[in-house]
C-alpha atoms as a PDB file:
ATOM      1  CA  UNK A   1       0.026   0.081   0.087  1.00  0.00           C
ATOM      2  CA  UNK A   2       2.277   2.252   0.996  1.00  0.00           C
ATOM      3  CA  UNK A   3       3.941   2.593  -2.973  1.00  0.00           C
ATOM      4  CA  UNK A   4      -0.019   3.318  -4.075  1.00  0.00           C
ATOM      5  CA  UNK A   5       0.334   5.977  -1.285  1.00  0.00           C
ATOM      6  CA  UNK A   6       3.627   7.287  -3.091  1.00  0.00           C
ATOM      7  CA  UNK A   7       1.728   7.016  -6.391  1.00  0.00           C
ATOM      8  CA  UNK A   8      -0.768   9.182  -6.071  1.00  0.00           C
ATOM      9  CA  UNK A   9       1.248  12.066  -3.911  1.00  0.00           C
ATOM     10  CA  UNK A  10       4.016  11.676  -7.413  1.00  0.00           C
ATOM     11  CA  UNK A  11       0.826  12.197  -9.217  1.00  0.00           C
ATOM     12  CA  UNK A  12      -1.284  15.101  -7.485  1.00  0.00           C
ATOM     13  CA  UNK A  13      -3.950  13.003  -6.745  1.00  0.00           C
ATOM     14  CA  UNK A  14      -6.600  13.903  -3.367  1.00  0.00           C
ATOM     15  CA  UNK A  15      -7.879  10.252  -2.754  1.00  0.00           C
ATOM     16  CA  UNK A  16      -7.086   6.462  -4.207  1.00  0.00           C
ATOM     17  CA  UNK A  17      -8.179   2.901  -3.625  1.00  0.00           C
ATOM     18  CA  UNK A  18      -6.407   0.000  -3.349  1.00  0.00           C
ATOM     19  CA  UNK A  19      -7.953  -3.329  -4.731  1.00  0.00           C
ATOM     20  CA  UNK A  20      -7.216  -7.455  -3.770  1.00  0.00           C
ATOM     21  CA  UNK A  21      -3.942  -6.538  -1.719  1.00  0.00           C
ATOM     22  CA  UNK A  22      -2.116  -5.275  -4.950  1.00  0.00           C
ATOM     23  CA  UNK A  23      -3.933  -2.704  -7.685  1.00  0.00           C
ATOM     24  CA  UNK A  24      -3.745   0.775  -7.156  1.00  0.00           C
ATOM     25  CA  UNK A  25      -6.537   3.008  -8.125  1.00  0.00           C
ATOM     26  CA  UNK A  26      -7.037   6.885  -8.815  1.00  0.00           C
ATOM     27  CA  UNK A  27      -6.465   9.348 -11.452  1.00  0.00           C
ATOM     28  CA  UNK A  28      -6.525  13.361 -12.120  1.00  0.00           C
ATOM     29  CA  UNK A  29     -10.341  14.005 -11.444  1.00  0.00           C
ATOM     30  CA  UNK A  30     -10.739  11.349  -9.192  1.00  0.00           C
ATOM     31  CA  UNK A  31     -12.147  12.537  -5.502  1.00  0.00           C
ATOM     32  CA  UNK A  32     -13.884  10.619  -2.933  1.00  0.00           C
ATOM     33  CA  UNK A  33     -17.717  11.543  -4.854  1.00  0.00           C
ATOM     34  CA  UNK A  34     -15.974   9.256  -7.423  1.00  0.00           C
ATOM     35  CA  UNK A  35     -15.586   6.341  -5.154  1.00  0.00           C
ATOM     36  CA  UNK A  36     -18.962   7.515  -2.675  1.00  0.00           C
ATOM     37  CA  UNK A  37     -20.605   6.526  -6.164  1.00  0.00           C
ATOM     38  CA  UNK A  38     -19.813   2.829  -6.133  1.00  0.00           C
ATOM     39  CA  UNK A  39     -21.885   0.658  -4.100  1.00  0.00           C
ATOM     40  CA  UNK A  40     -20.487   0.450  -0.159  1.00  0.00           C
ATOM     41  CA  UNK A  41     -18.895  -3.294   0.385  1.00  0.00           C
ATOM     42  CA  UNK A  42     -18.281  -5.235   3.192  1.00  0.00           C
ATOM     43  CA  UNK A  43     -15.283  -8.286   1.481  1.00  0.00           C
ATOM     44  CA  UNK A  44     -12.498  -5.753   1.684  1.00  0.00           C
ATOM     45  CA  UNK A  45     -10.052  -7.580   4.094  1.00  0.00           C
ATOM     46  CA  UNK A  46      -6.959  -5.697   6.147  1.00  0.00           C
ATOM     47  CA  UNK A  47      -7.806  -2.260   4.509  1.00  0.00           C
ATOM     48  CA  UNK A  48      -6.309  -4.171   0.988  1.00  0.00           C
ATOM     49  CA  UNK A  49      -9.559  -4.611  -1.042  1.00  0.00           C
ATOM     50  CA  UNK A  50     -10.405  -7.478  -1.931  1.00  0.00           C
ATOM     51  CA  UNK A  51     -11.052  -8.723  -5.755  1.00  0.00           C
ATOM     52  CA  UNK A  52     -14.456  -6.869  -6.426  1.00  0.00           C
ATOM     53  CA  UNK A  53     -14.002  -4.598  -4.229  1.00  0.00           C
ATOM     54  CA  UNK A  54     -12.256  -1.673  -2.293  1.00  0.00           C
ATOM     55  CA  UNK A  55     -10.424   0.869   0.729  1.00  0.00           C
ATOM     56  CA  UNK A  56     -10.078   4.296  -0.338  1.00  0.00           C
ATOM     57  CA  UNK A  57      -7.503   6.722   1.814  1.00  0.00           C
ATOM     58  CA  UNK A  58      -7.643  10.110   1.283  1.00  0.00           C
ATOM     59  CA  UNK A  59      -4.313  12.611   1.414  1.00  0.00           C
ATOM     60  CA  UNK A  60      -4.106  14.903   4.318  1.00  0.00           C
ATOM     61  CA  UNK A  61      -0.213  15.694   3.681  1.00  0.00           C
ATOM     62  CA  UNK A  62       2.274  14.475   2.636  1.00  0.00           C
ATOM     63  CA  UNK A  63       3.712  11.829   4.255  1.00  0.00           C
ATOM     64  CA  UNK A  64      -0.024  10.877   5.716  1.00  0.00           C
ATOM     65  CA  UNK A  65      -3.366   9.296   4.298  1.00  0.00           C
ATOM     66  CA  UNK A  66      -6.307   8.897   6.456  1.00  0.00           C
ATOM     67  CA  UNK A  67      -7.800   5.507   7.185  1.00  0.00           C
ATOM     68  CA  UNK A  68      -9.834   4.304   5.494  1.00  0.00           C
ATOM     69  CA  UNK A  69     -13.155   6.395   3.913  1.00  0.00           C
ATOM     70  CA  UNK A  70     -15.318   3.658   3.118  1.00  0.00           C
ATOM     71  CA  UNK A  71     -15.352  -0.179   1.061  1.00  0.00           C
ATOM     72  CA  UNK A  72     -17.008   0.260  -2.123  1.00  0.00           C
ATOM     73  CA  UNK A  73     -17.514  -2.500  -4.728  1.00  0.00           C
ATOM     74  CA  UNK A  74     -16.273  -2.118  -7.863  1.00  0.00           C
ATOM     75  CA  UNK A  75     -16.511  -3.788 -11.354  1.00  0.00           C
ATOM     76  CA  UNK A  76     -13.471  -5.232 -12.950  1.00  0.00           C
ATOM     77  CA  UNK A  77     -13.060  -3.199 -16.133  1.00  0.00           C
ATOM     78  CA  UNK A  78     -10.846  -0.048 -14.101  1.00  0.00           C
ATOM     79  CA  UNK A  79      -7.854   0.191 -14.668  1.00  0.00           C
ATOM     80  CA  UNK A  80      -5.465   1.181 -12.361  1.00  0.00           C
ATOM     81  CA  UNK A  81      -3.643   5.033 -11.503  1.00  0.00           C
ATOM     82  CA  UNK A  82      -2.739   6.966 -15.361  1.00  0.00           C
END
């Protein structure tokens, strides 16, 4: 997850999500609302998401991110950080 956080910071993103323990999701226009549009999920494990769900985090300041904001279901078609 640390790599996902660092990648989001390096791109100037405000939020990121972690899926299935290995996929980092975010993007230029990504906001909390971007992920909040998705149906909530209870499938995530240990803050690392799940196969069809993500744990969403918000960047607070350099070197910090909030704990899990919420968990959302996602479609498997989504791409990682661009």
